[in-house]
Full PDB file with SEQRES, HELIX, SHEET, SSBOND, CRYST1, ORIGX, SCALE, CONECT and MASTER records, all heavy atoms in Angstrom:
SEQRES   1 A   37  ASP GLY THR GLU THR ILE VAL THR GLY SER LEU ASP ASP          
SEQRES   2 A   37  MET VAL LYS VAL TRP LYS TRP SER ASP GLU LYS LEU GLU          
SEQRES   3 A   37  LEU GLN TRP THR LEU GLU GLY HIS GLN LEU GLY                  
SHEET    1 AA1 3 GLU A   4  GLY A   9  0                                        
SHEET    2 AA1 3 VAL A  15  SER A  21 -1                                        
SHEET    3 AA1 3 LYS A  24  LEU A  31 -1                                        
CRYST1    1.000    1.000    1.000  90.00  90.00  90.00 P 1           1          
ORIGX1      1.000000  0.000000  0.000000        0.00000                         
ORIGX2      0.000000  1.000000  0.000000        0.00000                         
ORIGX3      0.000000  0.000000  1.000000        0.00000                         
SCALE1      1.000000  0.000000  0.000000        0.00000                         
SCALE2      0.000000  1.000000  0.000000        0.00000                         
SCALE3      0.000000  0.000000  1.000000        0.00000                         
ATOM      1  N   ASP A   1       0.801  -1.244   0.000  1.00  0.00           N  
ATOM      2  CA  ASP A   1       0.000   0.000   0.000  1.00  0.00           C  
ATOM      3  C   ASP A   1       0.830   1.289   0.000  1.00  0.00           C  
ATOM      4  O   ASP A   1       0.273   2.379   0.145  1.00  0.00           O  
ATOM      5  CB  ASP A   1      -0.971   0.001   1.192  1.00  0.00           C  
ATOM      6  CG  ASP A   1      -0.254  -0.137   2.530  1.00  0.00           C  
ATOM      7  OD1 ASP A   1       0.995  -0.076   2.539  1.00  0.00           O  
ATOM      8  OD2 ASP A   1      -0.936  -0.291   3.556  1.00  0.00           O  
ATOM      9  N   GLY A   2       2.163   1.159  -0.123  1.00  0.00           N  
ATOM     10  CA  GLY A   2       2.999   2.358  -0.228  1.00  0.00           C  
ATOM     11  C   GLY A   2       3.242   3.097   1.072  1.00  0.00           C  
ATOM     12  O   GLY A   2       3.861   4.162   1.072  1.00  0.00           O  
ATOM     13  N   THR A   3       2.742   2.547   2.201  1.00  0.00           N  
ATOM     14  CA  THR A   3       2.970   3.219   3.481  1.00  0.00           C  
ATOM     15  C   THR A   3       4.443   3.112   3.892  1.00  0.00           C  
ATOM     16  O   THR A   3       5.116   2.136   3.587  1.00  0.00           O  
ATOM     17  CB  THR A   3       2.098   2.630   4.612  1.00  0.00           C  
ATOM     18  OG1 THR A   3       2.308   1.211   4.636  1.00  0.00           O  
ATOM     19  CG2 THR A   3       0.629   2.924   4.404  1.00  0.00           C  
ATOM     20  N   GLU A   4       4.906   4.152   4.595  1.00  0.00           N  
ATOM     21  CA  GLU A   4       6.297   4.193   5.041  1.00  0.00           C  
ATOM     22  C   GLU A   4       6.376   3.868   6.522  1.00  0.00           C  
ATOM     23  O   GLU A   4       5.669   4.446   7.343  1.00  0.00           O  
ATOM     24  CB  GLU A   4       6.885   5.573   4.763  1.00  0.00           C  
ATOM     25  CG  GLU A   4       6.745   5.959   3.300  1.00  0.00           C  
ATOM     26  CD  GLU A   4       7.927   6.749   2.796  1.00  0.00           C  
ATOM     27  OE1 GLU A   4       9.074   6.343   3.041  1.00  0.00           O  
ATOM     28  OE2 GLU A   4       7.685   7.777   2.167  1.00  0.00           O  
ATOM     29  N   THR A   5       7.255   2.917   6.836  1.00  0.00           N  
ATOM     30  CA  THR A   5       7.397   2.451   8.204  1.00  0.00           C  
ATOM     31  C   THR A   5       8.833   2.621   8.665  1.00  0.00           C  
ATOM     32  O   THR A   5       9.772   2.329   7.918  1.00  0.00           O  
ATOM     33  CB  THR A   5       7.016   0.953   8.296  1.00  0.00           C  
ATOM     34  OG1 THR A   5       5.666   0.799   7.861  1.00  0.00           O  
ATOM     35  CG2 THR A   5       7.141   0.442   9.711  1.00  0.00           C  
ATOM     36  N   ILE A   6       8.978   3.096   9.894  1.00  0.00           N  
ATOM     37  CA  ILE A   6      10.295   3.195  10.530  1.00  0.00           C  
ATOM     38  C   ILE A   6      10.303   2.259  11.718  1.00  0.00           C  
ATOM     39  O   ILE A   6       9.337   2.218  12.495  1.00  0.00           O  
ATOM     40  CB  ILE A   6      10.577   4.653  10.939  1.00  0.00           C  
ATOM     41  CG1 ILE A   6      10.912   5.468   9.673  1.00  0.00           C  
ATOM     42  CG2 ILE A   6      11.701   4.730  11.956  1.00  0.00           C  
ATOM     43  CD1 ILE A   6      10.804   6.949   9.834  1.00  0.00           C  
ATOM     44  N   VAL A   7      11.368   1.472  11.837  1.00  0.00           N  
ATOM     45  CA  VAL A   7      11.523   0.562  12.971  1.00  0.00           C  
ATOM     46  C   VAL A   7      12.770   0.974  13.743  1.00  0.00           C  
ATOM     47  O   VAL A   7      13.818   1.227  13.141  1.00  0.00           O  
ATOM     48  CB  VAL A   7      11.639  -0.905  12.491  1.00  0.00           C  
ATOM     49  CG1 VAL A   7      11.877  -1.846  13.670  1.00  0.00           C  
ATOM     50  CG2 VAL A   7      10.390  -1.325  11.729  1.00  0.00           C  
ATOM     51  N   THR A   8      12.642   1.076  15.072  1.00  0.00           N  
ATOM     52  CA  THR A   8      13.788   1.437  15.906  1.00  0.00           C  
ATOM     53  C   THR A   8      13.998   0.381  16.986  1.00  0.00           C  
ATOM     54  O   THR A   8      13.043  -0.261  17.438  1.00  0.00           O  
ATOM     55  CB  THR A   8      13.592   2.812  16.580  1.00  0.00           C  
ATOM     56  OG1 THR A   8      12.328   2.836  17.256  1.00  0.00           O  
ATOM     57  CG2 THR A   8      13.634   3.931  15.560  1.00  0.00           C  
ATOM     58  N   GLY A   9      15.246   0.212  17.387  1.00  0.00           N  
ATOM     59  CA  GLY A   9      15.589  -0.726  18.454  1.00  0.00           C  
ATOM     60  C   GLY A   9      16.454  -0.030  19.477  1.00  0.00           C  
ATOM     61  O   GLY A   9      17.311   0.787  19.130  1.00  0.00           O  
ATOM     62  N   SER A  10      16.221  -0.371  20.755  1.00  0.00           N  
ATOM     63  CA  SER A  10      16.855   0.390  21.823  1.00  0.00           C  
ATOM     64  C   SER A  10      17.430  -0.492  22.919  1.00  0.00           C  
ATOM     65  O   SER A  10      17.057  -1.653  23.084  1.00  0.00           O  
ATOM     66  CB  SER A  10      15.816   1.350  22.415  1.00  0.00           C  
ATOM     67  OG  SER A  10      16.221   1.883  23.657  1.00  0.00           O  
ATOM     68  N   LEU A  11      18.301   0.122  23.686  1.00  0.00           N  
ATOM     69  CA  LEU A  11      18.851  -0.487  24.892  1.00  0.00           C  
ATOM     70  C   LEU A  11      17.748  -0.754  25.927  1.00  0.00           C  
ATOM     71  O   LEU A  11      17.947  -1.515  26.862  1.00  0.00           O  
ATOM     72  CB  LEU A  11      19.907   0.465  25.466  1.00  0.00           C  
ATOM     73  CG  LEU A  11      20.828   0.015  26.588  1.00  0.00           C  
ATOM     74  CD1 LEU A  11      21.509  -1.299  26.251  1.00  0.00           C  
ATOM     75  CD2 LEU A  11      21.858   1.082  26.884  1.00  0.00           C  
ATOM     76  N   ASP A  12      16.555  -0.149  25.730  1.00  0.00           N  
ATOM     77  CA  ASP A  12      15.418  -0.392  26.646  1.00  0.00           C  
ATOM     78  C   ASP A  12      14.708  -1.728  26.362  1.00  0.00           C  
ATOM     79  O   ASP A  12      13.642  -1.987  26.909  1.00  0.00           O  
ATOM     80  CB  ASP A  12      14.417   0.776  26.616  1.00  0.00           C  
ATOM     81  CG  ASP A  12      13.674   0.911  25.278  1.00  0.00           C  
ATOM     82  OD1 ASP A  12      13.802   0.030  24.402  1.00  0.00           O  
ATOM     83  OD2 ASP A  12      12.960   1.925  25.108  1.00  0.00           O  
ATOM     84  N   ASP A  13      15.304  -2.568  25.488  1.00  0.00           N  
ATOM     85  CA  ASP A  13      14.807  -3.909  25.110  1.00  0.00           C  
ATOM     86  C   ASP A  13      13.629  -3.875  24.134  1.00  0.00           C  
ATOM     87  O   ASP A  13      13.103  -4.932  23.770  1.00  0.00           O  
ATOM     88  CB  ASP A  13      14.346  -4.773  26.321  1.00  0.00           C  
ATOM     89  CG  ASP A  13      15.346  -4.828  27.454  1.00  0.00           C  
ATOM     90  OD1 ASP A  13      16.468  -4.318  27.282  1.00  0.00           O  
ATOM     91  OD2 ASP A  13      15.006  -5.379  28.514  1.00  0.00           O  
ATOM     92  N   MET A  14      13.202  -2.699  23.728  1.00  0.00           N  
ATOM     93  CA  MET A  14      12.008  -2.575  22.897  1.00  0.00           C  
ATOM     94  C   MET A  14      12.340  -2.355  21.419  1.00  0.00           C  
ATOM     95  O   MET A  14      13.325  -1.704  21.088  1.00  0.00           O  
ATOM     96  CB  MET A  14      11.148  -1.382  23.352  1.00  0.00           C  
ATOM     97  CG  MET A  14      10.573  -1.529  24.739  1.00  0.00           C  
ATOM     98  SD  MET A  14       9.507  -2.970  24.866  1.00  0.00           S  
ATOM     99  CE  MET A  14       9.329  -3.059  26.646  1.00  0.00           C  
ATOM    100  N   VAL A  15      11.456  -2.912  20.580  1.00  0.00           N  
ATOM    101  CA  VAL A  15      11.441  -2.574  19.158  1.00  0.00           C  
ATOM    102  C   VAL A  15      10.176  -1.747  18.945  1.00  0.00           C  
ATOM    103  O   VAL A  15       9.094  -2.149  19.366  1.00  0.00           O  
ATOM    104  CB  VAL A  15      11.393  -3.849  18.276  1.00  0.00           C  
ATOM    105  CG1 VAL A  15      11.247  -3.485  16.803  1.00  0.00           C  
ATOM    106  CG2 VAL A  15      12.639  -4.704  18.498  1.00  0.00           C  
ATOM    107  N   LYS A  16      10.317  -0.587  18.327  1.00  0.00           N  
ATOM    108  CA  LYS A  16       9.132   0.244  18.074  1.00  0.00           C  
ATOM    109  C   LYS A  16       8.920   0.419  16.578  1.00  0.00           C  
ATOM    110  O   LYS A  16       9.877   0.558  15.813  1.00  0.00           O  
ATOM    111  CB  LYS A  16       9.254   1.607  18.764  1.00  0.00           C  
ATOM    112  CG  LYS A  16       9.156   1.495  20.284  1.00  0.00           C  
ATOM    113  CD  LYS A  16       9.006   2.852  20.952  1.00  0.00           C  
ATOM    114  CE  LYS A  16       8.891   2.682  22.471  1.00  0.00           C  
ATOM    115  NZ  LYS A  16       8.614   3.973  23.142  1.00  0.00           N  
ATOM    116  N   VAL A  17       7.651   0.388  16.193  1.00  0.00           N  
ATOM    117  CA  VAL A  17       7.269   0.553  14.792  1.00  0.00           C  
ATOM    118  C   VAL A  17       6.501   1.869  14.666  1.00  0.00           C  
ATOM    119  O   VAL A  17       5.523   2.097  15.385  1.00  0.00           O  
ATOM    120  CB  VAL A  17       6.385  -0.623  14.319  1.00  0.00           C  
ATOM    121  CG1 VAL A  17       5.994  -0.448  12.846  1.00  0.00           C  
ATOM    122  CG2 VAL A  17       7.115  -1.955  14.519  1.00  0.00           C  
ATOM    123  N   TRP A  18       6.985   2.720  13.776  1.00  0.00           N  
ATOM    124  CA  TRP A  18       6.402   4.047  13.565  1.00  0.00           C  
ATOM    125  C   TRP A  18       5.919   4.167  12.129  1.00  0.00           C  
ATOM    126  O   TRP A  18       6.550   3.666  11.210  1.00  0.00           O  
ATOM    127  CB  TRP A  18       7.444   5.136  13.811  1.00  0.00           C  
ATOM    128  CG  TRP A  18       8.254   4.990  15.055  1.00  0.00           C  
ATOM    129  CD1 TRP A  18       9.313   4.126  15.253  1.00  0.00           C  
ATOM    130  CD2 TRP A  18       8.101   5.707  16.282  1.00  0.00           C  
ATOM    131  NE1 TRP A  18       9.818   4.277  16.519  1.00  0.00           N  
ATOM    132  CE2 TRP A  18       9.098   5.240  17.178  1.00  0.00           C  
ATOM    133  CE3 TRP A  18       7.224   6.706  16.716  1.00  0.00           C  
ATOM    134  CZ2 TRP A  18       9.236   5.733  18.477  1.00  0.00           C  
ATOM    135  CZ3 TRP A  18       7.369   7.208  18.002  1.00  0.00           C  
ATOM    136  CH2 TRP A  18       8.356   6.720  18.870  1.00  0.00           C  
ATOM    137  N   LYS A  19       4.784   4.857  11.969  1.00  0.00           N  
ATOM    138  CA  LYS A  19       4.318   5.194  10.618  1.00  0.00           C  
ATOM    139  C   LYS A  19       4.784   6.610  10.310  1.00  0.00           C  
ATOM    140  O   LYS A  19       4.645   7.507  11.145  1.00  0.00           O  
ATOM    141  CB  LYS A  19       2.783   5.165  10.559  1.00  0.00           C  
ATOM    142  CG  LYS A  19       2.214   3.798  10.195  1.00  0.00           C  
ATOM    143  CD  LYS A  19       2.298   3.519   8.693  1.00  0.00           C  
ATOM    144  CE  LYS A  19       1.914   2.092   8.354  1.00  0.00           C  
ATOM    145  NZ  LYS A  19       3.036   1.152   8.482  1.00  0.00           N  
ATOM    146  N   TRP A  20       5.326   6.805   9.104  1.00  0.00           N  
ATOM    147  CA  TRP A  20       5.699   8.147   8.661  1.00  0.00           C  
ATOM    148  C   TRP A  20       4.667   8.600   7.651  1.00  0.00           C  
ATOM    149  O   TRP A  20       4.556   8.034   6.564  1.00  0.00           O  
ATOM    150  CB  TRP A  20       7.096   8.130   8.035  1.00  0.00           C  
ATOM    151  CG  TRP A  20       7.485   9.442   7.408  1.00  0.00           C  
ATOM    152  CD1 TRP A  20       7.529   9.717   6.070  1.00  0.00           C  
ATOM    153  CD2 TRP A  20       7.905  10.635   8.078  1.00  0.00           C  
ATOM    154  NE1 TRP A  20       7.947  11.006   5.872  1.00  0.00           N  
ATOM    155  CE2 TRP A  20       8.181  11.597   7.082  1.00  0.00           C  
ATOM    156  CE3 TRP A  20       8.057  11.001   9.421  1.00  0.00           C  
ATOM    157  CZ2 TRP A  20       8.615  12.887   7.384  1.00  0.00           C  
ATOM    158  CZ3 TRP A  20       8.486  12.280   9.722  1.00  0.00           C  
ATOM    159  CH2 TRP A  20       8.762  13.213   8.718  1.00  0.00           C  
ATOM    160  N   SER A  21       3.854   9.598   8.040  1.00  0.00           N  
ATOM    161  CA  SER A  21       2.919  10.178   7.082  1.00  0.00           C  
ATOM    162  C   SER A  21       2.624  11.611   7.486  1.00  0.00           C  
ATOM    163  O   SER A  21       2.712  11.961   8.671  1.00  0.00           O  
ATOM    164  CB  SER A  21       1.615   9.375   7.006  1.00  0.00           C  
ATOM    165  OG  SER A  21       0.948   9.413   8.234  1.00  0.00           O  
ATOM    166  N   ASP A  22       2.297  12.443   6.507  1.00  0.00           N  
ATOM    167  CA  ASP A  22       2.072  13.882   6.732  1.00  0.00           C  
ATOM    168  C   ASP A  22       3.251  14.523   7.471  1.00  0.00           C  
ATOM    169  O   ASP A  22       3.063  15.354   8.376  1.00  0.00           O  
ATOM    170  CB  ASP A  22       0.771  14.132   7.513  1.00  0.00           C  
ATOM    171  CG  ASP A  22      -0.436  13.528   6.813  1.00  0.00           C  
ATOM    172  OD1 ASP A  22      -0.451  13.550   5.566  1.00  0.00           O  
ATOM    173  OD2 ASP A  22      -1.352  13.030   7.504  1.00  0.00           O  
ATOM    174  N   GLU A  23       4.457  14.109   7.095  1.00  0.00           N  
ATOM    175  CA  GLU A  23       5.684  14.692   7.646  1.00  0.00           C  
ATOM    176  C   GLU A  23       5.789  14.559   9.161  1.00  0.00           C  
ATOM    177  O   GLU A  23       6.393  15.407   9.816  1.00  0.00           O  
ATOM    178  CB  GLU A  23       5.812  16.171   7.237  1.00  0.00           C  
ATOM    179  CG  GLU A  23       5.506  16.423   5.775  1.00  0.00           C  
ATOM    180  CD  GLU A  23       6.735  16.832   4.972  1.00  0.00           C  
ATOM    181  OE1 GLU A  23       7.277  17.900   5.250  1.00  0.00           O  
ATOM    182  OE2 GLU A  23       7.128  16.071   4.058  1.00  0.00           O  
ATOM    183  N   LYS A  24       5.186  13.499   9.718  1.00  0.00           N  
ATOM    184  CA  LYS A  24       5.410  13.238  11.140  1.00  0.00           C  
ATOM    185  C   LYS A  24       5.386  11.746  11.449  1.00  0.00           C  
ATOM    186  O   LYS A  24       4.871  10.948  10.663  1.00  0.00           O  
ATOM    187  CB  LYS A  24       4.403  14.000  12.010  1.00  0.00           C  
ATOM    188  CG  LYS A  24       2.952  13.641  11.794  1.00  0.00           C  
ATOM    189  CD  LYS A  24       2.081  14.480  12.730  1.00  0.00           C  
ATOM    190  CE  LYS A  24       0.656  13.970  12.759  1.00  0.00           C  
ATOM    191  NZ  LYS A  24      -0.045  14.164  11.459  1.00  0.00           N  
ATOM    192  N   LEU A  25       5.960  11.409  12.597  1.00  0.00           N  
ATOM    193  CA  LEU A  25       6.012  10.019  13.048  1.00  0.00           C  
ATOM    194  C   LEU A  25       4.866   9.738  13.997  1.00  0.00           C  
ATOM    195  O   LEU A  25       4.550  10.551  14.862  1.00  0.00           O  
ATOM    196  CB  LEU A  25       7.320   9.745  13.808  1.00  0.00           C  
ATOM    197  CG  LEU A  25       8.589   9.486  13.021  1.00  0.00           C  
ATOM    198  CD1 LEU A  25       9.722   9.179  13.988  1.00  0.00           C  
ATOM    199  CD2 LEU A  25       8.419   8.343  12.043  1.00  0.00           C  
ATOM    200  N   GLU A  26       4.277   8.569  13.820  1.00  0.00           N  
ATOM    201  CA  GLU A  26       3.210   8.135  14.708  1.00  0.00           C  
ATOM    202  C   GLU A  26       3.548   6.733  15.180  1.00  0.00           C  
ATOM    203  O   GLU A  26       3.781   5.842  14.359  1.00  0.00           O  
ATOM    204  CB  GLU A  26       1.910   8.102  13.912  1.00  0.00           C  
ATOM    205  CG  GLU A  26       0.664   8.345  14.708  1.00  0.00           C  
ATOM    206  CD  GLU A  26      -0.543   8.446  13.781  1.00  0.00           C  
ATOM    207  OE1 GLU A  26      -0.577   9.383  12.948  1.00  0.00           O  
ATOM    208  OE2 GLU A  26      -1.414   7.562  13.886  1.00  0.00           O  
ATOM    209  N   LEU A  27       3.583   6.529  16.500  1.00  0.00           N  
ATOM    210  CA  LEU A  27       3.907   5.208  17.035  1.00  0.00           C  
ATOM    211  C   LEU A  27       2.785   4.241  16.725  1.00  0.00           C  
ATOM    212  O   LEU A  27       1.621   4.492  17.037  1.00  0.00           O  
ATOM    213  CB  LEU A  27       4.131   5.286  18.552  1.00  0.00           C  
ATOM    214  CG  LEU A  27       4.520   3.960  19.226  1.00  0.00           C  
ATOM    215  CD1 LEU A  27       5.848   3.441  18.714  1.00  0.00           C  
ATOM    216  CD2 LEU A  27       4.561   4.129  20.737  1.00  0.00           C  
ATOM    217  N   GLN A  28       3.146   3.118  16.079  1.00  0.00           N  
ATOM    218  CA  GLN A  28       2.136   2.146  15.709  1.00  0.00           C  
ATOM    219  C   GLN A  28       2.146   0.934  16.634  1.00  0.00           C  
ATOM    220  O   GLN A  28       1.104   0.490  17.107  1.00  0.00           O  
ATOM    221  CB  GLN A  28       2.355   1.710  14.260  1.00  0.00           C  
ATOM    222  CG  GLN A  28       1.068   1.219  13.641  1.00  0.00           C  
ATOM    223  CD  GLN A  28       1.263   0.804  12.212  1.00  0.00           C  
ATOM    224  OE1 GLN A  28       2.389   0.662  11.736  1.00  0.00           O  
ATOM    225  NE2 GLN A  28       0.172   0.617  11.506  1.00  0.00           N  
ATOM    226  N   TRP A  29       3.340   0.378  16.861  1.00  0.00           N  
ATOM    227  CA  TRP A  29       3.460  -0.773  17.757  1.00  0.00           C  
ATOM    228  C   TRP A  29       4.688  -0.616  18.643  1.00  0.00           C  
ATOM    229  O   TRP A  29       5.709  -0.095  18.210  1.00  0.00           O  
ATOM    230  CB  TRP A  29       3.645  -2.097  17.002  1.00  0.00           C  
ATOM    231  CG  TRP A  29       2.796  -2.303  15.798  1.00  0.00           C  
ATOM    232  CD1 TRP A  29       3.190  -2.213  14.498  1.00  0.00           C  
ATOM    233  CD2 TRP A  29       1.404  -2.671  15.765  1.00  0.00           C  
ATOM    234  NE1 TRP A  29       2.137  -2.497  13.660  1.00  0.00           N  
ATOM    235  CE2 TRP A  29       1.032  -2.786  14.402  1.00  0.00           C  
ATOM    236  CE3 TRP A  29       0.450  -2.931  16.754  1.00  0.00           C  
ATOM    237  CZ2 TRP A  29      -0.255  -3.129  14.013  1.00  0.00           C  
ATOM    238  CZ3 TRP A  29      -0.823  -3.273  16.354  1.00  0.00           C  
ATOM    239  CH2 TRP A  29      -1.170  -3.370  15.005  1.00  0.00           C  
ATOM    240  N   THR A  30       4.579  -1.107  19.880  1.00  0.00           N  
ATOM    241  CA  THR A  30       5.754  -1.334  20.710  1.00  0.00           C  
ATOM    242  C   THR A  30       5.856  -2.842  20.850  1.00  0.00           C  
ATOM    243  O   THR A  30       4.947  -3.488  21.383  1.00  0.00           O  
ATOM    244  CB  THR A  30       5.611  -0.660  22.091  1.00  0.00           C  
ATOM    245  OG1 THR A  30       5.514   0.752  21.886  1.00  0.00           O  
ATOM    246  CG2 THR A  30       6.819  -0.955  22.960  1.00  0.00           C  
ATOM    247  N   LEU A  31       6.935  -3.405  20.302  1.00  0.00           N  
ATOM    248  CA  LEU A  31       7.072  -4.857  20.216  1.00  0.00           C  
ATOM    249  C   LEU A  31       7.932  -5.375  21.363  1.00  0.00           C  
ATOM    250  O   LEU A  31       9.117  -5.064  21.455  1.00  0.00           O  
ATOM    251  CB  LEU A  31       7.691  -5.243  18.869  1.00  0.00           C  
ATOM    252  CG  LEU A  31       6.975  -4.667  17.628  1.00  0.00           C  
ATOM    253  CD1 LEU A  31       7.718  -5.031  16.359  1.00  0.00           C  
ATOM    254  CD2 LEU A  31       5.532  -5.153  17.556  1.00  0.00           C  
ATOM    255  N   GLU A  32       7.299  -6.136  22.251  1.00  0.00           N  
ATOM    256  CA  GLU A  32       7.997  -6.676  23.407  1.00  0.00           C  
ATOM    257  C   GLU A  32       8.365  -8.126  23.156  1.00  0.00           C  
ATOM    258  O   GLU A  32       7.668  -8.839  22.441  1.00  0.00           O  
ATOM    259  CB  GLU A  32       7.108  -6.560  24.646  1.00  0.00           C  
ATOM    260  CG  GLU A  32       6.757  -5.117  24.983  1.00  0.00           C  
ATOM    261  CD  GLU A  32       5.888  -5.000  26.224  1.00  0.00           C  
ATOM    262  OE1 GLU A  32       5.934  -5.920  27.071  1.00  0.00           O  
ATOM    263  OE2 GLU A  32       5.176  -3.995  26.338  1.00  0.00           O  
ATOM    264  N   GLY A  33       9.464  -8.555  23.744  1.00  0.00           N  
ATOM    265  CA  GLY A  33       9.907  -9.935  23.564  1.00  0.00           C  
ATOM    266  C   GLY A  33      11.381 -10.090  23.875  1.00  0.00           C  
ATOM    267  O   GLY A  33      11.786 -11.038  24.535  1.00  0.00           O  
ATOM    268  N   HIS A  34      12.183  -9.125  23.410  1.00  0.00           N  
ATOM    269  CA  HIS A  34      13.615  -9.215  23.702  1.00  0.00           C  
ATOM    270  C   HIS A  34      13.873  -8.982  25.192  1.00  0.00           C  
ATOM    271  O   HIS A  34      13.242  -8.134  25.812  1.00  0.00           O  
ATOM    272  CB  HIS A  34      14.398  -8.202  22.863  1.00  0.00           C  
ATOM    273  CG  HIS A  34      14.556  -8.600  21.428  1.00  0.00           C  
ATOM    274  ND1 HIS A  34      15.218  -9.747  21.040  1.00  0.00           N  
ATOM    275  CD2 HIS A  34      14.129  -8.011  20.281  1.00  0.00           C  
ATOM    276  CE1 HIS A  34      15.197  -9.838  19.720  1.00  0.00           C  
ATOM    277  NE2 HIS A  34      14.535  -8.802  19.227  1.00  0.00           N  
ATOM    278  N   GLN A  35      14.804  -9.780  25.743  1.00  0.00           N  
ATOM    279  CA  GLN A  35      15.118  -9.689  27.175  1.00  0.00           C  
ATOM    280  C   GLN A  35      16.231  -8.686  27.461  1.00  0.00           C  
ATOM    281  O   GLN A  35      16.432  -8.299  28.602  1.00  0.00           O  
ATOM    282  CB  GLN A  35      15.548 -11.068  27.700  1.00  0.00           C  
ATOM    283  CG  GLN A  35      14.550 -12.183  27.409  1.00  0.00           C  
ATOM    284  CD  GLN A  35      13.188 -11.918  28.038  1.00  0.00           C  
ATOM    285  OE1 GLN A  35      13.097 -11.662  29.231  1.00  0.00           O  
ATOM    286  NE2 GLN A  35      12.142 -11.973  27.235  1.00  0.00           N  
ATOM    287  N   LEU A  36      16.957  -8.311  26.421  1.00  0.00           N  
ATOM    288  CA  LEU A  36      18.077  -7.373  26.566  1.00  0.00           C  
ATOM    289  C   LEU A  36      18.041  -6.383  25.404  1.00  0.00           C  
ATOM    290  O   LEU A  36      17.196  -6.475  24.532  1.00  0.00           O  
ATOM    291  CB  LEU A  36      19.414  -8.138  26.586  1.00  0.00           C  
ATOM    292  CG  LEU A  36      19.707  -8.996  27.826  1.00  0.00           C  
ATOM    293  CD1 LEU A  36      20.852  -9.942  27.556  1.00  0.00           C  
ATOM    294  CD2 LEU A  36      20.009  -8.128  29.034  1.00  0.00           C  
ATOM    295  N   GLY A  37      18.993  -5.461  25.418  1.00  0.00           N  
ATOM    296  CA  GLY A  37      19.021  -4.391  24.430  1.00  0.00           C  
ATOM    297  C   GLY A  37      18.987  -4.874  22.986  1.00  0.00           C  
ATOM    298  O   GLY A  37      19.557  -5.915  22.648  1.00  0.00           O  
TER     299      GLY A  37                                                      
MASTER        0    0    0    0    3    0    0    6  298    1    0    3          
END                                                                             
């Protein structure tokens, strides 16, 4: 569908999925599962 997605990974053990549209980021999912960074 042409949507733009940004995925970030952090030392906080989380993977976050962001949608990029209208020149801004919107948090879509916070993906839990990893036990470490």
